[in-house]
Amino acid sequence: MKITITSVLVDNQDRALEFYTEKLGFAIKHNVDMGEFKWLTVISPEGHDDVELLLEPNANPASKDFQAALFQQGIPATMFNVEDTDAEYERLKSLGVEFKMPPTQAGPVKIAILNDTCGNWIQIYQQ
């Protein structure tokens, strides 16, 4: 058994696709029209191409409530590993990405938290 797809809830798949590809640098793996929504996954060019992030619509009321609660409490929906938190912070800031927390040492890791524009805080971290 292995993890091949994990998801992050988004309030707008088109905006999410733009953010996750143009700002974070992920690449489209699947973009399949399914009527009102899409089967929309991205992958990291630096990672394995069989590990996908599903940009999942938050159309279910329970999903919307969960996503909103995490956001209001400042809890990241997911996290991504980076080589250098400071450098990634500067790169993303230069692209207009909003951060809730600048690079901060947290024990053995350095973290920063950004807004994905789709209803989520995302944590980046360097070990």
N, C-alpha and C. Protein backbone atom coordinates (compact mmCIF):
# COMPACT_ATOMS: atom_id res chain seq x y z
N MET A 1 0.85 -1.17 0.00
CA MET A 1 0.00 0.00 0.00
C MET A 1 0.90 1.23 0.00
N LYS A 2 0.53 2.24 -0.80
CA LYS A 2 1.29 3.48 -0.80
C LYS A 2 0.37 4.66 -1.07
N ILE A 3 0.81 5.82 -0.66
CA ILE A 3 0.05 7.05 -0.89
C ILE A 3 0.36 7.53 -2.30
N THR A 4 -0.68 7.72 -3.09
CA THR A 4 -0.48 8.25 -4.44
C THR A 4 -1.24 9.56 -4.65
N ILE A 5 -2.35 9.75 -3.94
CA ILE A 5 -3.12 10.99 -4.06
C ILE A 5 -3.54 11.44 -2.68
N THR A 6 -3.32 12.69 -2.42
CA THR A 6 -3.87 13.34 -1.24
C THR A 6 -4.55 14.60 -1.74
N SER A 7 -5.43 15.18 -0.94
CA SER A 7 -6.18 16.31 -1.48
C SER A 7 -6.12 17.52 -0.55
N VAL A 8 -6.39 18.65 -1.15
CA VAL A 8 -6.59 19.89 -0.42
C VAL A 8 -7.89 20.48 -0.94
N LEU A 9 -8.76 20.88 -0.03
CA LEU A 9 -10.04 21.48 -0.43
C LEU A 9 -9.78 22.88 -0.98
N VAL A 10 -10.47 23.22 -2.06
CA VAL A 10 -10.33 24.55 -2.65
C VAL A 10 -11.72 25.10 -2.95
N ASP A 11 -11.85 26.42 -2.83
CA ASP A 11 -13.15 27.03 -3.10
C ASP A 11 -13.32 27.43 -4.56
N ASN A 12 -12.25 27.31 -5.34
CA ASN A 12 -12.31 27.64 -6.76
C ASN A 12 -11.19 26.87 -7.47
N GLN A 13 -11.55 25.89 -8.28
CA GLN A 13 -10.52 25.05 -8.91
C GLN A 13 -9.66 25.82 -9.91
N ASP A 14 -10.23 26.74 -10.64
CA ASP A 14 -9.44 27.50 -11.62
C ASP A 14 -8.41 28.38 -10.92
N ARG A 15 -8.83 29.07 -9.86
CA ARG A 15 -7.90 29.91 -9.10
C ARG A 15 -6.84 29.04 -8.43
N ALA A 16 -7.26 27.88 -7.94
CA ALA A 16 -6.30 26.96 -7.31
C ALA A 16 -5.26 26.48 -8.32
N LEU A 17 -5.72 26.13 -9.50
CA LEU A 17 -4.78 25.67 -10.53
C LEU A 17 -3.76 26.75 -10.84
N GLU A 18 -4.22 27.97 -10.99
CA GLU A 18 -3.30 29.08 -11.27
C GLU A 18 -2.29 29.25 -10.12
N PHE A 19 -2.78 29.24 -8.89
CA PHE A 19 -1.90 29.45 -7.74
C PHE A 19 -0.88 28.31 -7.60
N TYR A 20 -1.37 27.09 -7.65
CA TYR A 20 -0.49 25.95 -7.40
C TYR A 20 0.52 25.72 -8.53
N THR A 21 0.20 26.14 -9.74
CA THR A 21 1.16 26.00 -10.84
C THR A 21 2.03 27.24 -11.00
N GLU A 22 1.41 28.42 -11.07
CA GLU A 22 2.16 29.64 -11.36
C GLU A 22 2.92 30.19 -10.16
N LYS A 23 2.42 30.01 -8.96
CA LYS A 23 3.11 30.52 -7.77
C LYS A 23 3.97 29.44 -7.10
N LEU A 24 3.35 28.29 -6.80
CA LEU A 24 4.10 27.25 -6.09
C LEU A 24 4.99 26.43 -7.01
N GLY A 25 4.70 26.41 -8.31
CA GLY A 25 5.57 25.72 -9.25
C GLY A 25 5.24 24.27 -9.52
N PHE A 26 4.06 23.82 -9.09
CA PHE A 26 3.66 22.45 -9.40
C PHE A 26 3.25 22.35 -10.86
N ALA A 27 3.19 21.12 -11.35
CA ALA A 27 2.81 20.86 -12.75
C ALA A 27 1.49 20.10 -12.79
N ILE A 28 0.71 20.34 -13.81
CA ILE A 28 -0.57 19.64 -13.97
C ILE A 28 -0.31 18.17 -14.30
N LYS A 29 -0.98 17.30 -13.59
CA LYS A 29 -0.93 15.86 -13.91
C LYS A 29 -2.22 15.46 -14.62
N HIS A 30 -3.37 15.83 -14.02
CA HIS A 30 -4.67 15.54 -14.63
C HIS A 30 -5.54 16.79 -14.56
N ASN A 31 -6.24 17.07 -15.64
CA ASN A 31 -7.21 18.16 -15.68
C ASN A 31 -8.36 17.68 -16.55
N VAL A 32 -9.25 16.93 -15.92
CA VAL A 32 -10.33 16.24 -16.62
C VAL A 32 -11.67 16.89 -16.27
N ASP A 33 -12.37 17.40 -17.27
CA ASP A 33 -13.67 18.01 -17.07
C ASP A 33 -14.66 16.93 -16.66
N MET A 34 -15.36 17.18 -15.55
CA MET A 34 -16.34 16.21 -15.05
C MET A 34 -17.69 16.90 -14.84
N GLY A 35 -17.98 17.87 -15.69
CA GLY A 35 -19.23 18.61 -15.54
C GLY A 35 -18.99 19.88 -14.77
N GLU A 36 -19.62 20.00 -13.61
CA GLU A 36 -19.46 21.21 -12.79
C GLU A 36 -18.04 21.36 -12.25
N PHE A 37 -17.38 20.24 -11.99
CA PHE A 37 -16.04 20.25 -11.42
C PHE A 37 -15.08 19.48 -12.32
N LYS A 38 -13.81 19.43 -11.90
CA LYS A 38 -12.77 18.73 -12.65
C LYS A 38 -12.07 17.73 -11.74
N TRP A 39 -11.51 16.70 -12.36
CA TRP A 39 -10.53 15.86 -11.67
C TRP A 39 -9.22 16.56 -11.95
N LEU A 40 -8.72 17.28 -10.94
CA LEU A 40 -7.61 18.20 -11.14
C LEU A 40 -6.50 17.87 -10.14
N THR A 41 -5.39 17.35 -10.67
CA THR A 41 -4.27 17.03 -9.79
C THR A 41 -3.01 17.70 -10.31
N VAL A 42 -2.12 17.99 -9.36
CA VAL A 42 -0.81 18.55 -9.68
C VAL A 42 0.25 17.68 -9.02
N ILE A 43 1.45 17.80 -9.56
CA ILE A 43 2.60 17.08 -9.01
C ILE A 43 3.77 18.05 -8.87
N SER A 44 4.72 17.65 -8.07
CA SER A 44 5.93 18.45 -7.91
C SER A 44 6.95 18.02 -8.95
N PRO A 45 7.50 18.97 -9.71
CA PRO A 45 8.55 18.61 -10.67
C PRO A 45 9.79 18.05 -9.96
N GLU A 46 9.91 18.33 -8.67
CA GLU A 46 11.07 17.87 -7.89
C GLU A 46 10.80 16.55 -7.18
N GLY A 47 9.57 16.03 -7.29
CA GLY A 47 9.21 14.82 -6.57
C GLY A 47 8.88 13.68 -7.52
N HIS A 48 8.24 12.67 -6.98
CA HIS A 48 7.81 11.52 -7.76
C HIS A 48 6.53 11.87 -8.51
N ASP A 49 6.44 11.47 -9.77
CA ASP A 49 5.25 11.84 -10.55
C ASP A 49 4.05 10.96 -10.24
N ASP A 50 4.20 10.00 -9.33
CA ASP A 50 3.04 9.20 -8.92
C ASP A 50 2.48 9.66 -7.57
N VAL A 51 2.95 10.80 -7.07
CA VAL A 51 2.40 11.40 -5.86
C VAL A 51 1.70 12.69 -6.30
N GLU A 52 0.37 12.67 -6.23
CA GLU A 52 -0.44 13.77 -6.76
C GLU A 52 -1.18 14.49 -5.64
N LEU A 53 -1.37 15.79 -5.86
CA LEU A 53 -2.20 16.60 -4.98
C LEU A 53 -3.48 16.91 -5.73
N LEU A 54 -4.60 16.44 -5.20
CA LEU A 54 -5.91 16.68 -5.80
C LEU A 54 -6.44 18.02 -5.30
N LEU A 55 -6.73 18.93 -6.22
CA LEU A 55 -7.34 20.22 -5.88
C LEU A 55 -8.84 19.99 -5.88
N GLU A 56 -9.33 19.61 -4.72
CA GLU A 56 -10.70 19.10 -4.58
C GLU A 56 -11.69 20.20 -4.23
N PRO A 57 -12.78 20.30 -5.00
CA PRO A 57 -13.77 21.33 -4.70
C PRO A 57 -14.43 21.11 -3.34
N ASN A 58 -14.65 22.20 -2.63
CA ASN A 58 -15.28 22.09 -1.31
C ASN A 58 -16.79 22.22 -1.42
N ALA A 59 -17.38 21.57 -2.39
CA ALA A 59 -18.82 21.70 -2.67
C ALA A 59 -19.71 21.12 -1.58
N ASN A 60 -19.21 20.18 -0.81
CA ASN A 60 -19.99 19.57 0.26
C ASN A 60 -20.04 20.55 1.44
N PRO A 61 -21.22 20.82 2.01
CA PRO A 61 -21.31 21.76 3.14
C PRO A 61 -20.37 21.40 4.30
N ALA A 62 -20.18 20.13 4.56
CA ALA A 62 -19.27 19.72 5.63
C ALA A 62 -17.83 20.10 5.28
N SER A 63 -17.48 19.97 4.01
CA SER A 63 -16.14 20.36 3.56
C SER A 63 -15.93 21.86 3.73
N LYS A 64 -16.93 22.65 3.35
CA LYS A 64 -16.83 24.11 3.50
C LYS A 64 -16.65 24.49 4.96
N ASP A 65 -17.43 23.88 5.84
CA ASP A 65 -17.34 24.19 7.26
C ASP A 65 -15.97 23.81 7.82
N PHE A 66 -15.49 22.64 7.46
CA PHE A 66 -14.18 22.17 7.92
C PHE A 66 -13.07 23.10 7.44
N GLN A 67 -13.10 23.43 6.15
CA GLN A 67 -12.08 24.30 5.58
C GLN A 67 -12.11 25.68 6.25
N ALA A 68 -13.30 26.24 6.42
CA ALA A 68 -13.44 27.55 7.04
C ALA A 68 -12.95 27.54 8.49
N ALA A 69 -13.24 26.48 9.21
CA ALA A 69 -12.82 26.38 10.60
C ALA A 69 -11.30 26.32 10.71
N LEU A 70 -10.66 25.52 9.87
CA LEU A 70 -9.20 25.46 9.88
C LEU A 70 -8.60 26.83 9.58
N PHE A 71 -9.14 27.49 8.56
CA PHE A 71 -8.62 28.79 8.15
C PHE A 71 -8.78 29.81 9.28
N GLN A 72 -9.96 29.86 9.89
CA GLN A 72 -10.22 30.82 10.97
C GLN A 72 -9.30 30.59 12.17
N GLN A 73 -8.97 29.34 12.41
CA GLN A 73 -8.09 29.01 13.54
C GLN A 73 -6.61 29.12 13.19
N GLY A 74 -6.31 29.41 11.91
CA GLY A 74 -4.93 29.56 11.48
C GLY A 74 -4.18 28.26 11.33
N ILE A 75 -4.92 27.17 11.15
CA ILE A 75 -4.31 25.84 11.04
C ILE A 75 -4.05 25.51 9.57
N PRO A 76 -2.81 25.20 9.21
CA PRO A 76 -2.52 24.84 7.81
C PRO A 76 -3.28 23.58 7.38
N ALA A 77 -3.78 23.61 6.16
CA ALA A 77 -4.50 22.47 5.60
C ALA A 77 -3.53 21.36 5.21
N THR A 78 -2.32 21.73 4.84
CA THR A 78 -1.28 20.77 4.49
C THR A 78 0.06 21.47 4.55
N MET A 79 1.12 20.72 4.30
CA MET A 79 2.46 21.31 4.32
C MET A 79 3.31 20.71 3.20
N PHE A 80 4.25 21.53 2.75
CA PHE A 80 5.16 21.13 1.68
C PHE A 80 6.59 21.36 2.14
N ASN A 81 7.44 20.40 1.88
CA ASN A 81 8.86 20.51 2.20
C ASN A 81 9.56 21.38 1.17
N VAL A 82 10.45 22.24 1.64
CA VAL A 82 11.27 23.07 0.76
C VAL A 82 12.73 22.92 1.16
N GLU A 83 13.60 23.19 0.23
CA GLU A 83 15.04 23.10 0.49
C GLU A 83 15.49 24.22 1.44
N ASP A 84 14.96 25.43 1.23
CA ASP A 84 15.39 26.61 1.98
C ASP A 84 14.16 27.49 2.22
N THR A 85 13.67 27.49 3.44
CA THR A 85 12.45 28.25 3.77
C THR A 85 12.63 29.74 3.50
N ASP A 86 13.77 30.30 3.85
CA ASP A 86 14.00 31.73 3.64
C ASP A 86 13.97 32.08 2.16
N ALA A 87 14.65 31.29 1.34
CA ALA A 87 14.69 31.56 -0.10
C ALA A 87 13.31 31.39 -0.73
N GLU A 88 12.59 30.37 -0.31
CA GLU A 88 11.25 30.14 -0.86
C GLU A 88 10.30 31.25 -0.43
N TYR A 89 10.42 31.70 0.79
CA TYR A 89 9.63 32.83 1.28
C TYR A 89 9.87 34.06 0.40
N GLU A 90 11.12 34.38 0.15
CA GLU A 90 11.46 35.56 -0.67
C GLU A 90 10.95 35.39 -2.09
N ARG A 91 11.09 34.19 -2.67
CA ARG A 91 10.61 33.94 -4.03
C ARG A 91 9.11 34.13 -4.11
N LEU A 92 8.38 33.55 -3.16
CA LEU A 92 6.92 33.64 -3.18
C LEU A 92 6.43 35.05 -2.87
N LYS A 93 7.08 35.74 -1.94
CA LYS A 93 6.71 37.14 -1.65
C LYS A 93 6.86 37.99 -2.91
N SER A 94 7.91 37.73 -3.69
CA SER A 94 8.13 38.51 -4.91
C SER A 94 7.05 38.24 -5.95
N LEU A 95 6.34 37.12 -5.81
CA LEU A 95 5.23 36.79 -6.71
C LEU A 95 3.88 37.26 -6.15
N GLY A 96 3.91 37.95 -5.02
CA GLY A 96 2.69 38.49 -4.44
C GLY A 96 1.97 37.56 -3.49
N VAL A 97 2.60 36.47 -3.07
CA VAL A 97 1.96 35.54 -2.15
C VAL A 97 1.90 36.16 -0.76
N GLU A 98 0.73 36.04 -0.12
CA GLU A 98 0.51 36.57 1.23
C GLU A 98 0.92 35.51 2.25
N PHE A 99 1.69 35.95 3.23
CA PHE A 99 2.12 35.06 4.31
C PHE A 99 1.47 35.45 5.62
N LYS A 100 1.05 34.46 6.38
CA LYS A 100 0.54 34.64 7.74
C LYS A 100 1.70 34.65 8.72
N MET A 101 2.73 33.86 8.40
CA MET A 101 3.90 33.75 9.26
C MET A 101 5.16 33.71 8.40
N PRO A 102 6.11 34.61 8.67
CA PRO A 102 7.38 34.55 7.93
C PRO A 102 8.21 33.36 8.42
N PRO A 103 9.33 33.07 7.79
CA PRO A 103 10.16 31.96 8.25
C PRO A 103 10.47 32.08 9.75
N THR A 104 10.16 30.99 10.46
CA THR A 104 10.29 30.95 11.91
C THR A 104 10.86 29.60 12.31
N GLN A 105 11.86 29.63 13.16
CA GLN A 105 12.43 28.38 13.66
C GLN A 105 11.44 27.76 14.65
N ALA A 106 11.13 26.49 14.46
CA ALA A 106 10.21 25.77 15.35
C ALA A 106 10.87 24.43 15.69
N GLY A 107 11.71 24.46 16.70
CA GLY A 107 12.46 23.25 17.04
C GLY A 107 13.41 22.90 15.92
N PRO A 108 13.35 21.67 15.41
CA PRO A 108 14.30 21.25 14.38
C PRO A 108 13.93 21.68 12.96
N VAL A 109 12.81 22.38 12.79
CA VAL A 109 12.39 22.80 11.45
C VAL A 109 12.21 24.31 11.40
N LYS A 110 12.32 24.86 10.19
CA LYS A 110 11.99 26.26 9.96
C LYS A 110 10.74 26.27 9.10
N ILE A 111 9.71 26.99 9.55
CA ILE A 111 8.42 26.98 8.88
C ILE A 111 8.01 28.39 8.46
N ALA A 112 7.10 28.46 7.51
CA ALA A 112 6.41 29.69 7.14
C ALA A 112 5.01 29.26 6.71
N ILE A 113 4.04 30.17 6.85
CA ILE A 113 2.66 29.82 6.51
C ILE A 113 2.12 30.85 5.53
N LEU A 114 1.57 30.34 4.41
CA LEU A 114 1.07 31.20 3.34
C LEU A 114 -0.39 30.94 3.05
N ASN A 115 -1.01 31.91 2.38
CA ASN A 115 -2.41 31.83 1.98
C ASN A 115 -2.45 31.36 0.52
N ASP A 116 -3.18 30.27 0.26
CA ASP A 116 -3.23 29.75 -1.12
C ASP A 116 -4.31 30.41 -1.98
N THR A 117 -4.98 31.41 -1.46
CA THR A 117 -6.04 32.18 -2.15
C THR A 117 -7.30 31.36 -2.40
N CYS A 118 -7.34 30.13 -1.93
CA CYS A 118 -8.48 29.23 -2.18
C CYS A 118 -9.09 28.72 -0.88
N GLY A 119 -8.81 29.43 0.22
CA GLY A 119 -9.41 29.07 1.50
C GLY A 119 -8.52 28.32 2.45
N ASN A 120 -7.20 28.28 2.17
CA ASN A 120 -6.31 27.47 3.00
C ASN A 120 -5.05 28.21 3.41
N TRP A 121 -4.59 27.91 4.62
CA TRP A 121 -3.23 28.23 5.01
C TRP A 121 -2.40 27.01 4.64
N ILE A 122 -1.25 27.26 4.05
CA ILE A 122 -0.33 26.18 3.67
C ILE A 122 1.00 26.44 4.37
N GLN A 123 1.51 25.42 5.01
CA GLN A 123 2.81 25.54 5.68
C GLN A 123 3.91 25.02 4.79
N ILE A 124 4.99 25.77 4.67
CA ILE A 124 6.19 25.24 4.04
C ILE A 124 7.21 25.03 5.16
N TYR A 125 8.04 24.02 5.00
CA TYR A 125 9.00 23.74 6.07
C TYR A 125 10.29 23.19 5.51
N GLN A 126 11.35 23.48 6.25
CA GLN A 126 12.69 22.99 5.94
C GLN A 126 13.18 22.22 7.16
N GLN A 127 13.65 21.00 6.93
CA GLN A 127 14.17 20.21 8.05
C GLN A 127 15.62 20.48 8.26
